[in-house]
Amino acid sequence: MSLLRVLPALRSRAAHRACTASFSSSASTSAAAGGSANPPPDIFSALSDAAESPPAEPLDPIEDAPAVEDGPPRPSADSYPRNAPRNPVTEANRAKRLAEVRPLYSVAVQATRNNTIITFARPSREGGGPLVTLTGGKLGFKKSNRNGYEAGYQCAVGIIAAMKKESERREFEWELFLKGFGQGRDAMLTAITTAVGAEVKESLVRVTDRTPIKIGGTRGKKARRI
């Protein structure tokens, strides 16, 4: 056996003896000073007895504590109305999305200073062909009377009658296109807002003004005189 392997064992034994001797000497000195004849206890024997003693009985398990949520406090059930009414605009938009998409017809009004032409046409996705076209000349107005208010009103009444007949066949929505500043323009708007157009007014979704406005440019064409 080599010396390097024996040396740690010798050192541990020497340290054990030194510790025992110092403890015995200090214990004997204190006993002599106190006048007691009891021998000092051996610390190593006490440690060995503690190691050989049976393990302590386990403690009683901790009862299940109620779970506590780590977060902001929640309001009570009666603190605010849970079934509060919703936003009416949101509900209307939602109902409109869920509703069946109806076809979109169109009514075009061309009111010039010489005549009034009103056309009721099919939806663009169905070809966009005209169903009814009425003018002042078709209704019997002659010459300068074709661009009057009465001619435009009679054209509007005839178009509204055609729209009512089409609504009996299928439900639809429609949009109005206006072009020109003739008297037939005001006649069409008046017919829609009165009792004559009360039934078709509910299905009107949009009004568009297509009147071109000239700003500068070249000289215009000579106006037609009747």
Protein backbone atom coordinates (compact mmCIF):
# COMPACT_ATOMS: atom_id res chain seq x y z
CA MET A 1 0.00 0.00 0.00
CA SER A 2 1.40 3.36 -0.94
CA LEU A 3 2.01 6.12 1.53
CA LEU A 4 -0.37 8.54 -0.21
CA ARG A 5 -3.34 6.22 0.42
CA VAL A 6 -2.43 5.63 4.11
CA LEU A 7 -1.80 9.29 4.89
CA PRO A 8 -5.49 10.48 4.88
CA ALA A 9 -6.52 7.64 7.18
CA LEU A 10 -3.74 8.51 9.65
CA ARG A 11 -4.74 12.15 9.57
CA SER A 12 -8.39 11.36 10.26
CA ARG A 13 -7.50 9.11 13.22
CA ALA A 14 -5.16 11.74 14.62
CA ALA A 15 -7.85 14.38 14.31
CA HIS A 16 -10.37 12.09 15.97
CA ARG A 17 -8.02 11.49 18.90
CA ALA A 18 -7.22 15.21 19.21
CA CYS A 19 -10.91 16.14 19.27
CA THR A 20 -11.68 13.42 21.83
CA ALA A 21 -8.76 14.43 24.03
CA SER A 22 -9.62 18.11 23.96
CA PHE A 23 -13.28 17.41 24.71
CA SER A 24 -12.37 15.06 27.56
CA SER A 25 -9.93 17.51 29.05
CA SER A 26 -12.39 20.39 28.91
CA ALA A 27 -15.18 18.24 30.36
CA SER A 28 -12.97 16.97 33.17
CA THR A 29 -11.81 20.48 33.97
CA SER A 30 -15.40 21.73 34.20
CA ALA A 31 -16.41 18.72 36.31
CA ALA A 32 -13.53 19.23 38.69
CA ALA A 33 -14.43 22.89 39.01
CA GLY A 34 -18.04 22.05 39.73
CA GLY A 35 -17.29 19.17 42.09
CA SER A 36 -19.22 16.60 40.00
CA ALA A 37 -17.93 13.01 39.57
CA ASN A 38 -20.05 12.16 36.50
CA PRO A 39 -17.93 11.24 33.43
CA PRO A 40 -18.25 13.49 30.39
CA PRO A 41 -20.59 12.25 27.67
CA ASP A 42 -19.13 10.91 24.49
CA ILE A 43 -20.33 13.06 21.55
CA PHE A 44 -19.63 10.35 18.97
CA SER A 45 -21.74 7.79 20.83
CA ALA A 46 -24.59 10.32 21.00
CA LEU A 47 -24.40 10.85 17.26
CA SER A 48 -24.42 7.10 16.60
CA ASP A 49 -27.47 6.66 18.87
CA ALA A 50 -29.30 9.41 17.01
CA ALA A 51 -28.55 7.75 13.68
CA GLU A 52 -29.84 4.37 14.91
CA SER A 53 -33.07 5.82 16.39
CA PRO A 54 -36.30 5.12 14.42
CA PRO A 55 -37.55 7.93 12.12
CA ALA A 56 -40.10 10.32 13.48
CA GLU A 57 -43.73 9.85 12.55
CA PRO A 58 -44.89 12.02 9.64
CA LEU A 59 -46.98 15.03 10.46
CA ASP A 60 -50.65 15.12 9.69
CA PRO A 61 -51.31 16.20 6.09
CA ILE A 62 -52.47 19.75 5.65
CA GLU A 63 -56.12 20.06 4.85
CA ASP A 64 -57.01 21.33 1.37
CA ALA A 65 -57.29 25.08 1.60
CA PRO A 66 -59.79 26.90 -0.64
CA ALA A 67 -58.25 28.09 -3.90
CA VAL A 68 -57.68 31.82 -3.99
CA GLU A 69 -57.57 33.50 -7.41
CA ASP A 70 -54.65 35.82 -7.84
CA GLY A 71 -56.18 38.66 -9.81
CA PRO A 72 -58.44 41.70 -9.64
CA PRO A 73 -61.67 41.35 -7.68
CA ARG A 74 -64.71 40.34 -9.65
CA PRO A 75 -67.96 42.30 -9.45
CA SER A 76 -70.94 40.77 -7.79
CA ALA A 77 -73.77 39.26 -9.79
CA ASP A 78 -76.11 42.21 -9.16
CA SER A 79 -73.56 44.97 -9.69
CA TYR A 80 -74.45 45.58 -13.33
CA PRO A 81 -77.14 44.31 -15.74
CA ARG A 82 -75.80 41.32 -17.63
CA ASN A 83 -78.69 41.34 -20.11
CA ALA A 84 -78.33 45.00 -21.04
CA PRO A 85 -79.78 46.10 -24.39
CA ARG A 86 -77.27 46.11 -27.22
CA ASN A 87 -76.34 48.98 -29.49
CA PRO A 88 -79.27 49.45 -31.93
CA VAL A 89 -76.91 50.44 -34.77
CA THR A 90 -74.88 47.25 -34.28
CA GLU A 91 -78.03 45.15 -34.19
CA ALA A 92 -79.34 46.78 -37.37
CA ASN A 93 -76.07 46.14 -39.21
CA ARG A 94 -76.01 42.55 -38.01
CA ALA A 95 -79.60 41.97 -39.12
CA LYS A 96 -78.79 43.50 -42.49
CA ARG A 97 -75.84 41.14 -42.96
CA LEU A 98 -77.89 38.12 -41.99
CA ALA A 99 -80.85 39.08 -44.15
CA GLU A 100 -81.17 37.77 -47.64
CA VAL A 101 -79.55 40.01 -50.23
CA ARG A 102 -82.26 41.51 -52.41
CA PRO A 103 -81.68 42.54 -56.03
CA LEU A 104 -80.87 46.19 -56.67
CA TYR A 105 -82.89 47.87 -59.41
CA SER A 106 -82.19 51.36 -60.72
CA VAL A 107 -84.24 54.38 -61.82
CA ALA A 108 -82.48 56.97 -64.00
CA VAL A 109 -83.95 60.44 -64.46
CA GLN A 110 -82.61 62.65 -67.27
CA ALA A 111 -84.20 66.06 -66.97
CA THR A 112 -83.07 68.40 -69.73
CA ARG A 113 -84.47 71.74 -70.76
CA ASN A 114 -86.26 70.09 -73.68
CA ASN A 115 -87.59 66.77 -72.31
CA THR A 116 -87.78 64.40 -69.33
CA ILE A 117 -86.69 60.76 -69.71
CA ILE A 118 -87.14 58.27 -66.84
CA THR A 119 -85.97 54.65 -67.12
CA PHE A 120 -86.64 51.74 -64.76
CA ALA A 121 -83.95 49.04 -65.25
CA ARG A 122 -83.09 45.57 -63.96
CA PRO A 123 -80.12 44.91 -61.65
CA SER A 124 -76.69 45.10 -63.24
CA ARG A 125 -75.91 41.48 -62.32
CA GLU A 126 -78.96 40.41 -64.34
CA GLY A 127 -77.96 42.33 -67.45
CA GLY A 128 -79.19 45.79 -66.44
CA GLY A 129 -81.68 46.00 -69.29
CA PRO A 130 -84.46 48.61 -69.12
CA LEU A 131 -87.91 47.44 -68.10
CA VAL A 132 -89.90 50.65 -68.66
CA THR A 133 -88.90 53.96 -70.24
CA LEU A 134 -91.24 56.95 -70.19
CA THR A 135 -90.80 60.40 -71.70
CA GLY A 136 -92.90 63.48 -72.03
CA GLY A 137 -93.46 62.77 -75.73
CA LYS A 138 -94.70 59.22 -75.04
CA LEU A 139 -97.34 60.57 -72.69
CA GLY A 140 -98.74 62.96 -75.34
CA PHE A 141 -96.99 66.22 -74.46
CA LYS A 142 -95.94 68.25 -77.48
CA LYS A 143 -93.10 70.65 -78.18
CA SER A 144 -92.21 72.86 -75.22
CA ASN A 145 -94.66 71.04 -72.91
CA ARG A 146 -92.43 67.97 -72.88
CA ASN A 147 -89.94 69.61 -70.51
CA GLY A 148 -92.60 70.96 -68.13
CA TYR A 149 -93.29 69.94 -64.55
CA GLU A 150 -96.52 68.14 -65.40
CA ALA A 151 -94.83 65.97 -68.02
CA GLY A 152 -92.11 65.01 -65.54
CA TYR A 153 -94.69 64.22 -62.85
CA GLN A 154 -96.71 61.99 -65.15
CA CYS A 155 -93.53 60.11 -66.12
CA ALA A 156 -92.68 59.63 -62.45
CA VAL A 157 -96.17 58.30 -61.65
CA GLY A 158 -95.94 55.81 -64.53
CA ILE A 159 -92.51 54.57 -63.37
CA ILE A 160 -93.73 54.17 -59.79
CA ALA A 161 -96.68 52.10 -61.05
CA ALA A 162 -94.25 49.83 -62.91
CA MET A 163 -92.16 49.49 -59.75
CA LYS A 164 -95.21 48.47 -57.72
CA LYS A 165 -96.08 45.84 -60.30
CA GLU A 166 -92.53 44.46 -60.19
CA SER A 167 -92.58 44.38 -56.37
CA GLU A 168 -95.58 42.04 -56.50
CA ARG A 169 -93.44 39.55 -58.38
CA ARG A 170 -90.32 39.83 -56.18
CA GLU A 171 -88.94 41.99 -53.39
CA PHE A 172 -86.17 44.35 -54.42
CA GLU A 173 -84.26 47.48 -53.54
CA TRP A 174 -83.62 50.35 -55.90
CA GLU A 175 -81.43 53.40 -56.33
CA LEU A 176 -82.17 56.71 -58.00
CA PHE A 177 -79.87 58.48 -60.48
CA LEU A 178 -80.50 62.15 -61.31
CA LYS A 179 -79.01 63.98 -64.28
CA GLY A 180 -79.78 67.52 -65.38
CA PHE A 181 -81.51 70.52 -63.84
CA GLY A 182 -84.83 70.36 -65.71
CA GLN A 183 -88.26 70.47 -64.10
CA GLY A 184 -88.60 66.70 -64.34
CA ARG A 185 -85.97 66.36 -61.60
CA ASP A 186 -88.13 68.11 -59.01
CA ALA A 187 -91.22 66.31 -60.26
CA MET A 188 -89.64 62.89 -59.62
CA LEU A 189 -88.52 63.83 -56.10
CA THR A 190 -91.98 65.18 -55.31
CA ALA A 191 -93.70 62.00 -56.54
CA ILE A 192 -91.47 59.86 -54.31
CA THR A 193 -92.04 61.91 -51.16
CA THR A 194 -95.83 62.09 -51.53
CA ALA A 195 -98.46 59.38 -51.06
CA VAL A 196 -97.94 58.22 -54.64
CA GLY A 197 -94.49 56.83 -53.88
CA ALA A 198 -94.98 55.85 -50.24
CA GLU A 199 -94.75 52.12 -51.01
CA VAL A 200 -91.56 52.28 -53.07
CA LYS A 201 -89.87 54.88 -50.89
CA GLU A 202 -89.14 52.30 -48.18
CA SER A 203 -86.99 50.23 -50.53
CA LEU A 204 -84.94 53.21 -51.80
CA VAL A 205 -81.33 52.74 -50.68
CA ARG A 206 -79.35 55.44 -52.50
CA VAL A 207 -79.75 58.67 -54.46
CA THR A 208 -76.93 59.70 -56.82
CA ASP A 209 -76.59 62.95 -58.76
CA ARG A 210 -74.80 62.39 -62.06
CA THR A 211 -75.20 65.91 -63.41
CA PRO A 212 -71.97 66.96 -65.15
CA ILE A 213 -70.70 70.40 -64.18
CA LYS A 214 -68.54 72.15 -66.72
CA ILE A 215 -65.57 74.05 -65.31
CA GLY A 216 -63.64 75.88 -68.00
CA GLY A 217 -62.79 73.93 -71.13
CA THR A 218 -63.87 74.64 -74.71
CA ARG A 219 -66.95 76.41 -75.89
CA GLY A 220 -70.13 74.34 -75.50
CA LYS A 221 -72.48 73.23 -78.21
CA LYS A 222 -75.21 75.62 -79.23
CA ALA A 223 -78.39 74.98 -77.24
CA ARG A 224 -81.33 73.53 -79.16
CA ARG A 225 -84.25 75.90 -79.49
CA ILE A 226 -87.87 74.75 -79.86
